[in-house]
Protein backbone atom coordinates (compact mmCIF):
# COMPACT_ATOMS: atom_id res chain seq x y z
CA TYR A 1 34.99 -37.05 43.30
CA THR A 2 36.23 -33.89 41.55
CA ASP A 3 34.62 -30.48 41.95
CA SER A 4 35.39 -27.33 39.99
CA SER A 5 38.57 -26.44 41.86
CA CYS A 6 40.25 -29.44 43.46
CA PRO A 7 39.78 -33.13 44.21
CA ALA A 8 37.21 -33.72 46.94
CA LEU A 9 35.53 -36.66 48.62
CA LEU A 10 31.72 -36.53 48.46
CA LEU A 11 30.07 -38.79 51.04
CA GLU A 12 26.28 -39.02 50.99
CA PRO A 13 23.56 -40.93 52.84
CA GLN A 14 21.26 -43.42 51.13
CA ARG A 15 18.69 -41.59 49.01
CA THR A 16 16.00 -42.49 46.46
CA ASN A 17 14.97 -40.45 43.43
CA LEU A 18 11.20 -40.96 43.60
CA ILE A 19 10.57 -39.72 40.04
CA PRO A 20 10.54 -42.79 37.74
CA HIS A 21 11.70 -40.96 34.58
CA SER A 22 14.17 -38.30 35.64
CA GLU A 23 15.28 -37.30 32.12
CA TYR A 24 12.10 -37.84 30.12
CA PHE A 25 9.09 -35.68 30.93
CA ASN A 26 6.23 -37.40 29.08
CA ALA A 27 4.40 -38.00 32.37
CA TRP A 28 4.44 -34.28 33.20
CA ILE A 29 1.35 -32.16 32.48
CA LEU A 30 1.27 -28.95 30.44
CA ASP A 31 -1.50 -26.48 31.25
CA GLY A 32 -2.25 -22.76 31.34
CA ASN A 33 -4.66 -20.06 30.15
CA GLY A 34 -2.34 -17.83 28.15
CA GLY A 35 -0.47 -18.12 24.87
CA GLY A 36 0.31 -21.80 25.32
CA GLN A 37 3.04 -24.21 26.39
CA SER A 38 4.98 -27.04 24.75
CA TYR A 39 7.57 -29.71 25.51
CA THR A 40 10.16 -31.23 23.13
CA GLN A 41 12.23 -34.26 24.08
CA ASN A 42 15.99 -34.61 23.37
CA TYR A 43 16.30 -30.97 22.28
CA SER A 44 19.64 -29.84 23.68
CA THR A 45 22.85 -30.99 25.35
CA SER A 46 22.40 -31.74 29.05
CA PRO A 47 24.93 -31.23 31.87
CA GLU A 48 26.19 -34.78 31.23
CA GLY A 49 27.22 -33.79 27.67
CA VAL A 50 24.52 -35.81 25.89
CA GLN A 51 21.63 -34.52 23.76
CA ASN A 52 18.96 -35.66 26.19
CA ALA A 53 17.78 -32.39 27.71
CA SER A 54 14.21 -31.35 26.91
CA ARG A 55 12.86 -28.05 25.65
CA LEU A 56 10.12 -26.36 27.68
CA GLN A 57 8.33 -23.31 26.24
CA LEU A 58 5.91 -21.46 28.52
CA ASN A 59 3.77 -18.48 27.45
CA LYS A 60 1.27 -16.79 29.76
CA SER A 61 0.58 -13.82 27.43
CA GLY A 62 -3.13 -12.99 27.42
CA GLY A 63 -3.73 -15.08 30.53
CA SER A 64 -2.53 -15.47 34.11
CA TYR A 65 -0.37 -18.61 34.16
CA SER A 66 1.51 -21.27 32.17
CA ARG A 67 3.02 -24.33 33.80
CA PHE A 68 4.62 -27.78 33.56
CA ARG A 69 3.92 -30.11 36.46
CA PHE A 70 4.49 -33.63 37.76
CA ASN A 71 2.08 -35.15 40.27
CA TYR A 72 3.66 -37.40 42.88
CA THR A 73 1.85 -39.22 45.70
CA SER A 74 4.09 -39.88 48.69
CA GLY A 75 3.82 -43.00 50.80
CA ALA A 76 4.85 -41.11 53.93
CA THR A 77 4.45 -37.79 55.69
CA GLU A 78 7.92 -36.28 55.47
CA THR A 79 10.10 -33.42 54.31
CA GLN A 80 11.11 -33.85 50.68
CA LYS A 81 13.46 -31.96 48.40
CA ALA A 82 12.61 -31.49 44.72
CA SER A 83 15.24 -30.38 42.23
CA ILE A 84 15.68 -29.87 38.49
CA TYR A 85 18.35 -28.52 36.12
CA ILE A 86 17.25 -25.53 34.01
CA LYS A 87 18.76 -23.02 31.57
CA THR A 88 17.43 -20.59 28.98
CA ASN A 89 17.91 -21.55 25.34
CA ASP A 90 18.66 -18.01 24.10
CA ALA A 91 21.21 -17.09 26.83
CA SER A 92 18.80 -14.53 28.26
CA SER A 93 17.96 -14.11 31.94
CA LYS A 94 14.39 -14.92 32.95
CA THR A 95 12.42 -15.30 36.16
CA ILE A 96 10.30 -18.41 36.70
CA SER A 97 8.79 -20.08 39.77
CA LEU A 98 8.95 -23.53 41.34
CA ARG A 99 6.55 -25.09 43.81
CA TYR A 100 6.25 -28.48 45.53
CA ALA A 101 4.18 -30.00 48.34
CA GLY A 102 2.95 -26.84 50.03
CA SER A 103 6.22 -24.96 49.63
CA GLY A 104 4.55 -21.89 48.16
CA ARG A 105 6.01 -20.16 45.14
CA ILE A 106 9.81 -20.01 45.00
CA ASP A 107 11.08 -17.54 42.38
CA LYS A 108 14.24 -18.47 40.48
CA SER A 109 16.47 -16.49 38.15
CA ILE A 110 17.38 -18.59 35.08
CA THR A 111 20.33 -17.82 32.82
CA GLY A 112 21.93 -19.42 29.76
CA ASP A 113 24.08 -21.63 32.00
CA TRP A 114 22.90 -24.90 33.50
CA SER A 115 22.04 -24.63 37.20
CA ARG A 116 20.28 -26.99 39.55
CA PHE A 117 17.33 -25.44 41.36
CA TYR A 118 15.71 -26.70 44.57
CA VAL A 119 12.48 -26.42 46.50
CA THR A 120 11.58 -28.02 49.86
CA GLY A 121 8.11 -29.40 50.49
CA SER A 122 6.18 -31.20 53.24
CA ALA A 123 4.67 -34.29 51.63
CA LEU A 124 1.54 -35.85 53.12
CA ASN A 125 0.99 -39.60 53.16
CA GLY A 126 -1.32 -40.62 50.31
CA VAL A 127 -1.85 -37.08 49.01
CA GLY A 128 -0.77 -36.17 45.48
CA GLN A 129 1.56 -33.18 45.23
CA ASP A 130 2.59 -31.23 42.13
CA PHE A 131 6.23 -30.41 41.39
CA GLU A 132 5.68 -27.33 39.21
CA VAL A 133 7.75 -25.15 36.88
CA PHE A 134 5.48 -22.18 36.09
CA LEU A 135 4.93 -18.59 35.10
CA ASP A 136 2.38 -16.27 36.70
CA SER A 137 2.01 -12.55 37.38
CA ASN A 138 5.42 -12.37 39.09
CA ASN A 139 7.34 -13.81 36.13
CA SER A 140 8.32 -13.19 32.53
CA ASP A 141 5.51 -13.59 29.96
CA ILE A 142 7.41 -16.02 27.74
CA VAL A 143 10.35 -18.35 28.43
CA ASP A 144 12.21 -20.84 26.26
CA LEU A 145 14.04 -23.29 28.55
CA SER A 146 16.01 -26.52 28.57
CA ILE A 147 15.27 -28.84 31.48
CA TYR A 148 16.98 -32.00 32.72
CA GLY A 149 17.40 -34.29 35.70
CA ALA A 150 14.28 -33.98 37.84
CA GLN A 151 14.52 -35.44 41.34
CA ILE A 152 12.29 -35.79 44.41
CA GLU A 153 13.92 -37.28 47.51
CA ALA A 154 13.05 -37.59 51.18
CA GLY A 155 15.21 -35.21 53.21
CA SER A 156 15.73 -31.57 54.07
CA TYR A 157 18.63 -31.13 51.62
CA ALA A 158 19.33 -32.37 48.10
CA THR A 159 21.97 -34.96 47.34
CA SER A 160 23.68 -35.46 43.99
CA TYR A 161 21.56 -36.37 41.00
CA ILE A 162 20.28 -39.98 40.73
CA PRO A 163 19.20 -40.89 37.14
CA THR A 164 16.09 -43.03 36.75
CA TYR A 165 14.80 -44.81 33.65
CA GLY A 166 11.32 -46.15 34.31
CA THR A 167 11.35 -46.71 38.06
CA SER A 168 12.61 -45.00 41.19
CA VAL A 169 16.26 -45.65 41.98
CA THR A 170 17.98 -45.86 45.36
CA ARG A 171 21.64 -44.96 45.72
CA SER A 172 23.33 -46.70 48.65
CA LYS A 173 25.06 -44.64 51.33
CA ASP A 174 28.73 -43.92 50.79
CA ASP A 175 31.22 -45.66 53.02
CA CYS A 176 34.84 -44.60 53.18
CA THR A 177 36.51 -47.12 55.48
CA ILE A 178 40.14 -48.19 55.76
CA SER A 179 40.72 -51.46 57.61
CA ASN A 180 43.98 -52.95 58.84
CA THR A 181 45.55 -49.59 59.57
CA GLY A 182 48.52 -50.91 61.53
CA ASP A 183 50.97 -49.35 59.08
CA VAL A 184 49.49 -45.83 59.48
CA ILE A 185 47.94 -45.67 62.97
CA ALA A 186 50.44 -46.28 65.74
CA ASP A 187 49.65 -47.78 69.13
CA SER A 188 48.66 -45.24 71.80
CA LYS A 189 49.72 -42.14 69.89
CA GLY A 190 49.06 -40.26 66.68
CA SER A 191 47.60 -37.24 64.91
CA PHE A 192 44.61 -36.85 62.60
CA TYR A 193 43.88 -34.03 60.17
CA ILE A 194 40.82 -33.32 58.02
CA GLU A 195 39.69 -30.35 55.97
CA GLY A 196 36.53 -29.60 54.05
CA LYS A 197 33.33 -27.58 54.06
CA ILE A 198 30.09 -27.94 55.98
CA ASP A 199 27.11 -28.35 53.62
CA PHE A 200 24.48 -28.98 56.28
CA LEU A 201 23.99 -29.89 59.93
CA ASP A 202 20.99 -32.13 60.51
CA ALA A 203 19.56 -33.64 63.70
CA ASN A 204 22.70 -35.75 64.15
CA GLY A 205 25.26 -33.09 63.35
CA ILE A 206 28.07 -34.67 61.33
CA ILE A 207 31.01 -36.91 62.13
CA PRO A 208 33.79 -36.23 59.64
CA LEU A 209 36.34 -38.70 61.03
CA THR A 210 36.33 -41.80 63.23
CA ALA A 211 39.12 -44.20 64.21
CA GLY A 212 37.96 -47.48 65.72
CA ILE A 213 34.56 -49.14 65.94
CA ASN A 214 33.85 -49.45 69.66
CA THR A 215 34.80 -47.84 72.93
CA ASP A 216 37.70 -50.25 73.51
CA ASN A 217 39.87 -48.23 71.13
CA LEU A 218 38.03 -45.26 69.68
CA PHE A 219 38.56 -41.68 68.57
CA TYR A 220 35.92 -39.63 66.86
CA LEU A 221 35.53 -36.05 65.71
CA TRP A 222 32.00 -34.71 65.87
CA ILE A 223 30.55 -31.42 64.63
CA ARG A 224 27.35 -31.01 66.61
CA THR A 225 24.14 -29.42 65.36
CA SER A 226 25.14 -26.25 67.23
CA GLY A 227 28.42 -26.09 65.28
CA VAL A 228 30.47 -27.03 68.34
CA VAL A 229 33.34 -29.38 67.50
CA SER A 230 33.96 -32.27 69.89
CA ALA A 231 36.91 -34.65 69.95
CA GLU A 232 36.68 -37.73 72.16
CA TRP A 233 39.03 -40.62 72.91
CA TYR A 234 37.99 -43.95 74.48
CA ASP A 235 39.96 -46.88 75.85
CA GLY A 236 37.20 -48.97 77.38
CA VAL A 237 35.70 -45.79 78.83
CA LEU A 238 35.97 -42.11 77.96
CA GLN A 239 39.59 -41.03 78.46
CA ALA A 240 39.68 -37.49 77.07
CA ALA A 241 37.27 -34.97 75.56
CA ILE A 242 37.79 -31.49 74.10
CA ASN A 243 34.95 -29.21 72.96
CA SER A 244 35.06 -25.98 70.98
CA ASN A 245 32.56 -24.21 73.19
CA THR A 246 33.07 -20.85 71.49
CA ASN A 247 34.85 -21.66 68.22
CA VAL A 248 31.94 -23.10 66.22
CA ILE A 249 31.54 -24.06 62.57
CA SER A 250 28.47 -22.91 60.64
CA VAL A 251 26.90 -24.24 57.46
CA GLY A 252 28.92 -22.97 54.50
CA ASP A 253 32.15 -22.67 56.48
CA SER A 254 35.40 -24.28 55.41
CA PHE A 255 37.38 -25.96 58.15
CA LYS A 256 40.77 -27.44 58.93
CA ILE A 257 40.80 -29.56 62.07
CA ALA A 258 43.65 -31.52 63.63
CA VAL A 259 44.11 -33.51 66.82
CA GLY A 260 47.19 -34.93 68.46
CA TYR A 261 47.21 -37.51 71.22
CA GLN A 262 49.30 -39.75 73.41
CA ASP A 263 48.94 -40.80 77.04
CA ASN A 264 48.03 -37.77 79.20
CA ASP A 265 48.46 -35.43 76.22
CA PHE A 266 45.44 -34.64 74.00
CA VAL A 267 44.98 -31.51 71.89
CA LEU A 268 42.52 -30.05 69.35
CA TYR A 269 43.19 -27.31 66.77
CA ILE A 270 40.64 -25.66 64.44
CA ASN A 271 41.67 -23.27 61.67
CA GLY A 272 45.02 -22.53 63.29
CA THR A 273 43.59 -21.92 66.77
CA LEU A 274 44.28 -24.05 69.83
CA ILE A 275 40.82 -25.08 71.06
CA GLY A 276 41.81 -27.04 74.12
CA THR A 277 43.92 -29.69 75.80
CA ASP A 278 43.33 -32.64 78.10
CA THR A 279 46.26 -33.81 80.21
CA SER A 280 44.78 -36.94 81.72
CA GLY A 281 43.84 -40.19 80.02
CA THR A 282 45.06 -43.34 78.26
CA ALA A 283 45.43 -43.04 74.50
CA PRO A 284 43.62 -45.64 72.34
CA SER A 285 45.09 -47.86 69.61
CA PRO A 286 42.43 -47.92 66.87
CA THR A 287 42.75 -50.34 63.93
CA LEU A 288 40.13 -48.91 61.56
CA LEU A 289 39.59 -45.46 60.02
CA ARG A 290 36.33 -44.03 58.69
CA ILE A 291 35.74 -40.70 56.96
CA GLY A 292 32.22 -39.34 57.28
CA LYS A 293 30.91 -42.25 59.29
CA TYR A 294 30.53 -43.54 62.84
CA ASN A 295 29.93 -47.24 63.47
CA VAL A 296 27.13 -48.53 61.21
CA ASP A 297 25.45 -45.18 60.52
CA ASN A 298 26.47 -42.34 58.24
CA TYR A 299 26.72 -38.84 59.61
CA THR A 300 27.78 -37.07 56.46
CA GLY A 301 27.25 -33.38 55.97
CA GLY A 302 30.26 -32.01 54.20
CA SER A 303 32.64 -32.21 51.30
CA TYR A 304 36.03 -33.43 52.51
CA THR A 305 39.02 -32.27 50.51
CA LYS A 306 41.84 -33.79 52.53
CA ALA A 307 42.37 -36.26 55.36
CA MET A 308 45.72 -37.33 56.82
CA VAL A 309 46.90 -39.72 59.52
CA PHE A 310 50.25 -39.40 61.30
CA PRO A 311 51.71 -42.25 63.40
CA THR A 312 53.24 -39.70 65.79
CA ARG A 313 51.92 -37.02 68.11
CA LEU A 314 52.75 -33.88 66.11
CA SER A 315 53.88 -30.83 68.05
CA ASN A 316 51.41 -28.06 68.78
CA GLU A 317 53.33 -25.79 66.43
CA GLU A 318 52.98 -28.34 63.62
CA LEU A 319 49.25 -28.76 64.28
CA ALA A 320 48.76 -24.98 64.26
CA THR A 321 50.60 -24.63 60.96
CA LEU A 322 48.71 -27.56 59.44
CA THR A 323 45.30 -26.05 60.24
CA THR A 324 45.94 -22.39 59.47
CA ILE A 325 43.59 -21.12 56.73
């Protein structure tokens, strides 16, 4: 995965775009009591570089509102995230509003550049909810927009866009696993390094890196919901644990984390700072490496830009240099 600045690894949980036609808006409803509203399919070039973005013109002049809405009935009571790409067609800046599933009005500033806009709603089982793009008394009187890529998904945060063409589509969870790591992970010693950025912390926190699949030979690095970073090593039972009780990572923060370990010698560094040591315990010999995952479940919540494995226990000076931001 490549972002705007450097190569990065995007790991996401399984998600479903519940809107059956994400790029074609014929099922959406135009209504209002002002100057009128219209929709034109395949009007402009979308973020994917294809002429499949639609034109949406809203005009509330002489009235109180103008809107474009999609009604979706959820099969569950849950938090859902609705999103859509929008830009103005004349490069102007306009203010519009979004609303979904009891979210209330969310005002958005639209420019001539494509941006993805989000709104969080609380869907009710069996109750239809409108995902709305609208103008009212808080907004501009007239807007001329391009729209593309509508998505409704269960969850408190939005994942990357999932195109749909006639039915909802489910994207499987990402799994970055390296098996047979004998040539990179040494027996009973080593160092791990990972850097990235925290996008969210949900009820599980996130686990950016795991070596091993059970407590016989296991290391895992866990960023808890509180932002505390925990490193734990197992060899049948827990052998060593280090927690960043004061040095926490918040949503939006970039991080560089490294650990070094061998028998009776465990250490954790975050962003150039020594977090802690543990001088008692048997070091594991894991044979599998996972990024963004623990066992059979994903705990992804960040964009990982680099991960490295060393078959030696690096010195504390090397770990400090490696993690300095």
